[in-house]
């Protein structure tokens, strides 16, 4: 076996390079075509909601129709995952700004599952903890009645369980919703391979109507 590889290593290496080139060429063909990304197949209609922003203004889900939306259920007292996931979303925000999509064709919606503690003042303070602060021109923090929000999270496919200490166990996922209100992807925010570029690429794709 060793002799075979020693004699044919160049052919094998060339074969690997050719396969990589073919795969890259195939991806470029898809990227430049009008074919939809199979990863972004429409799943279901995103559940409708009526919540309040940090100024107490009523915000309905249909108010954001026509834009790609990233929906994240979280709470500011979260001891672990919510802070790094919100940091990831700040990176997405800055990348979307560079592409002139933030606020015009794309929006971030952070919905608190702990509205009794997450008052508008608390959520504003939470946002100020980040170097790239959430920009209200394209990022809304939303609140409502706790029971209704937990039902909304469930309808979106997000598990929320209230613990005895007042904290919450919840699915740590970012949902991608297209301009027509269809859920197109669930990002596992705990996946170490998930980065802002990956999410922004999908937002750009959907902003083009694909």
Protein backbone atom coordinates (compact mmCIF):
# COMPACT_ATOMS: atom_id res chain seq x y z
CA UNK A 1 0.00 0.00 0.00
CA UNK A 2 2.78 2.39 0.90
CA UNK A 3 4.50 1.77 -2.44
CA UNK A 4 1.28 2.56 -4.32
CA UNK A 5 0.94 5.97 -2.64
CA UNK A 6 4.62 6.73 -3.13
CA UNK A 7 4.32 6.05 -6.86
CA UNK A 8 0.99 7.79 -7.38
CA UNK A 9 0.99 10.65 -4.86
CA UNK A 10 1.15 13.29 -7.58
CA UNK A 11 -1.85 11.83 -9.44
CA UNK A 12 -3.82 11.57 -6.21
CA UNK A 13 -2.98 15.15 -5.23
CA UNK A 14 -3.92 16.38 -8.69
CA UNK A 15 -7.23 14.53 -8.41
CA UNK A 16 -8.03 16.23 -5.10
CA UNK A 17 -7.24 19.64 -6.59
CA UNK A 18 -9.44 18.94 -9.62
CA UNK A 19 -12.35 17.87 -7.40
CA UNK A 20 -12.01 21.06 -5.37
CA UNK A 21 -11.94 23.16 -8.55
CA UNK A 22 -15.04 21.43 -9.91
CA UNK A 23 -16.88 21.94 -6.61
CA UNK A 24 -15.88 25.60 -6.56
CA UNK A 25 -16.97 26.06 -10.16
CA UNK A 26 -20.30 24.38 -9.41
CA UNK A 27 -20.88 26.68 -6.43
CA UNK A 28 -20.13 29.75 -8.53
CA UNK A 29 -22.62 28.57 -11.15
CA UNK A 30 -25.29 28.21 -8.46
CA UNK A 31 -24.42 31.54 -6.82
CA UNK A 32 -24.79 33.36 -10.14
CA UNK A 33 -27.99 31.57 -11.08
CA UNK A 34 -31.58 32.26 -10.11
CA UNK A 35 -31.95 28.88 -8.44
CA UNK A 36 -32.90 29.08 -4.73
CA UNK A 37 -30.44 27.90 -2.12
CA UNK A 38 -31.72 24.45 -1.04
CA UNK A 39 -30.72 25.27 2.56
CA UNK A 40 -33.17 28.15 2.58
CA UNK A 41 -36.31 26.31 1.56
CA UNK A 42 -39.41 27.93 3.05
CA UNK A 43 -40.54 26.02 6.16
CA UNK A 44 -43.73 27.72 7.34
CA UNK A 45 -45.30 31.12 7.82
CA UNK A 46 -43.75 32.95 10.76
CA UNK A 47 -46.34 33.39 13.54
CA UNK A 48 -47.87 36.86 13.77
CA UNK A 49 -47.35 39.01 16.85
CA UNK A 50 -48.19 42.37 18.39
CA UNK A 51 -45.58 43.56 20.90
CA UNK A 52 -44.07 46.80 22.22
CA UNK A 53 -40.71 48.38 21.52
CA UNK A 54 -38.58 50.16 24.13
CA UNK A 55 -40.55 53.36 23.68
CA UNK A 56 -43.82 51.57 24.36
CA UNK A 57 -44.87 51.78 20.72
CA UNK A 58 -46.92 48.87 19.40
CA UNK A 59 -45.10 46.78 16.81
CA UNK A 60 -46.90 44.17 14.70
CA UNK A 61 -45.14 41.46 12.75
CA UNK A 62 -46.60 42.78 9.50
CA UNK A 63 -44.92 46.13 10.15
CA UNK A 64 -41.62 44.50 9.17
CA UNK A 65 -42.92 42.69 6.08
CA UNK A 66 -40.83 43.37 3.01
CA UNK A 67 -37.60 42.95 4.96
CA UNK A 68 -35.46 39.95 5.84
CA UNK A 69 -35.72 39.43 9.60
CA UNK A 70 -33.51 37.78 12.15
CA UNK A 71 -35.62 36.84 15.18
CA UNK A 72 -34.00 35.99 18.50
CA UNK A 73 -35.78 35.04 21.75
CA UNK A 74 -33.57 35.96 24.71
CA UNK A 75 -33.49 37.70 28.10
CA UNK A 76 -30.98 40.10 29.56
CA UNK A 77 -30.51 38.22 32.85
CA UNK A 78 -29.45 35.11 30.92
CA UNK A 79 -26.31 33.75 32.63
CA UNK A 80 -24.75 32.15 29.58
CA UNK A 81 -25.83 32.08 25.92
CA UNK A 82 -27.75 35.32 25.33
CA UNK A 83 -24.81 37.69 25.69
CA UNK A 84 -22.50 35.97 23.16
CA UNK A 85 -25.39 35.44 20.75
CA UNK A 86 -26.33 39.11 20.94
CA UNK A 87 -22.67 39.95 20.35
CA UNK A 88 -22.84 37.79 17.20
CA UNK A 89 -25.87 39.79 16.10
CA UNK A 90 -23.96 43.05 16.60
CA UNK A 91 -21.40 41.68 14.15
CA UNK A 92 -24.21 40.87 11.73
CA UNK A 93 -25.52 44.41 12.19
CA UNK A 94 -22.19 45.98 11.26
CA UNK A 95 -21.76 43.71 8.22
CA UNK A 96 -25.28 44.54 6.98
CA UNK A 97 -24.53 48.25 7.37
CA UNK A 98 -21.51 47.89 5.10
CA UNK A 99 -23.79 46.30 2.47
CA UNK A 100 -26.41 49.06 2.88
CA UNK A 101 -29.05 46.50 3.89
CA UNK A 102 -29.46 47.24 7.59
CA UNK A 103 -32.77 48.89 8.38
CA UNK A 104 -33.79 49.10 4.73
CA UNK A 105 -33.90 45.48 3.61
CA UNK A 106 -32.97 43.64 6.80
CA UNK A 107 -33.93 43.95 10.45
CA UNK A 108 -33.09 42.28 13.76
CA UNK A 109 -35.84 41.53 16.28
CA UNK A 110 -34.79 40.55 19.81
CA UNK A 111 -37.80 39.39 21.82
CA UNK A 112 -37.47 39.13 25.60
CA UNK A 113 -38.92 36.00 27.23
CA UNK A 114 -38.55 37.76 30.61
CA UNK A 115 -40.54 40.97 30.16
CA UNK A 116 -41.27 41.40 33.87
CA UNK A 117 -37.59 41.95 34.62
CA UNK A 118 -36.60 43.18 31.18
CA UNK A 119 -38.06 46.66 31.43
CA UNK A 120 -37.25 49.16 28.67
CA UNK A 121 -34.56 50.69 30.90
CA UNK A 122 -32.98 47.30 31.59
CA UNK A 123 -32.93 46.39 27.90
CA UNK A 124 -31.38 49.73 26.95
CA UNK A 125 -28.68 49.12 29.55
CA UNK A 126 -28.16 45.61 28.14
CA UNK A 127 -27.65 47.02 24.65
CA UNK A 128 -25.13 49.56 25.92
CA UNK A 129 -22.85 46.75 27.09
CA UNK A 130 -21.76 46.04 23.53
CA UNK A 131 -19.07 47.92 21.67
CA UNK A 132 -21.26 47.99 18.57
CA UNK A 133 -24.50 49.05 20.21
CA UNK A 134 -27.77 47.80 18.74
CA UNK A 135 -28.92 50.48 16.32
CA UNK A 136 -32.68 51.14 16.60
CA UNK A 137 -32.84 52.06 12.92
CA UNK A 138 -32.77 48.35 12.16
CA UNK A 139 -32.80 46.49 15.47
CA UNK A 140 -35.81 46.36 17.77
CA UNK A 141 -35.97 44.98 21.29
CA UNK A 142 -39.53 43.83 21.89
CA UNK A 143 -41.61 43.05 24.98
CA UNK A 144 -45.10 41.88 25.81
CA UNK A 145 -47.04 39.73 28.26
CA UNK A 146 -44.88 36.84 29.48
CA UNK A 147 -47.39 34.07 28.79
CA UNK A 148 -48.13 35.36 25.28
CA UNK A 149 -44.44 35.65 24.46
CA UNK A 150 -43.77 32.10 25.64
CA UNK A 151 -46.63 30.90 23.43
CA UNK A 152 -45.20 32.92 20.55
CA UNK A 153 -41.76 31.38 21.11
CA UNK A 154 -43.35 27.92 21.08
CA UNK A 155 -45.14 28.74 17.82
CA UNK A 156 -41.77 29.73 16.36
CA UNK A 157 -40.32 26.39 17.49
CA UNK A 158 -38.40 27.82 20.45
CA UNK A 159 -38.60 26.06 23.81
CA UNK A 160 -38.88 28.28 26.90
CA UNK A 161 -39.06 26.88 30.45
CA UNK A 162 -39.23 29.08 33.54
CA UNK A 163 -36.99 27.82 36.34
CA UNK A 164 -37.61 28.09 40.10
CA UNK A 165 -34.92 30.77 40.45
CA UNK A 166 -36.71 33.04 37.97
CA UNK A 167 -34.35 32.37 35.10
CA UNK A 168 -35.28 30.58 31.88
CA UNK A 169 -34.03 27.61 29.93
CA UNK A 170 -34.59 28.23 26.25
CA UNK A 171 -33.58 27.12 22.79
CA UNK A 172 -30.71 29.31 21.67
CA UNK A 173 -31.54 29.77 18.01
CA UNK A 174 -31.71 32.66 15.58
CA UNK A 175 -34.57 32.43 13.10
CA UNK A 176 -34.30 33.70 9.54
CA UNK A 177 -37.56 35.07 8.11
CA UNK A 178 -37.88 36.19 4.50
CA UNK A 179 -39.59 39.38 3.27
CA UNK A 180 -42.86 37.48 2.74
CA UNK A 181 -42.89 36.22 6.33
CA UNK A 182 -41.76 32.65 5.71
CA UNK A 183 -39.29 31.01 8.11
CA UNK A 184 -36.30 29.98 6.00
CA UNK A 185 -33.70 28.79 8.53
CA UNK A 186 -32.92 28.13 12.17
CA UNK A 187 -29.34 28.91 13.18
CA UNK A 188 -28.00 27.02 16.17
CA UNK A 189 -26.33 29.90 17.97
CA UNK A 190 -24.37 27.42 20.07
CA UNK A 191 -22.60 26.08 17.00
CA UNK A 192 -18.98 27.31 17.22
CA UNK A 193 -18.77 27.30 13.42
CA UNK A 194 -21.61 29.78 13.05
CA UNK A 195 -20.31 33.26 12.30
CA UNK A 196 -21.68 36.59 11.11
CA UNK A 197 -20.54 36.05 7.52
CA UNK A 198 -22.61 32.88 7.26
CA UNK A 199 -25.77 34.64 8.44
CA UNK A 200 -25.16 37.78 6.37
CA UNK A 201 -24.69 35.70 3.22
CA UNK A 202 -28.15 34.19 3.71
CA UNK A 203 -29.70 37.58 4.45
CA UNK A 204 -28.21 38.95 1.23
CA UNK A 205 -29.60 35.97 -0.72
CA UNK A 206 -33.12 36.47 0.62
CA UNK A 207 -32.95 40.24 0.12
CA UNK A 208 -32.60 39.52 -3.60
CA UNK A 209 -35.85 37.59 -3.59
CA UNK A 210 -34.29 34.14 -3.86
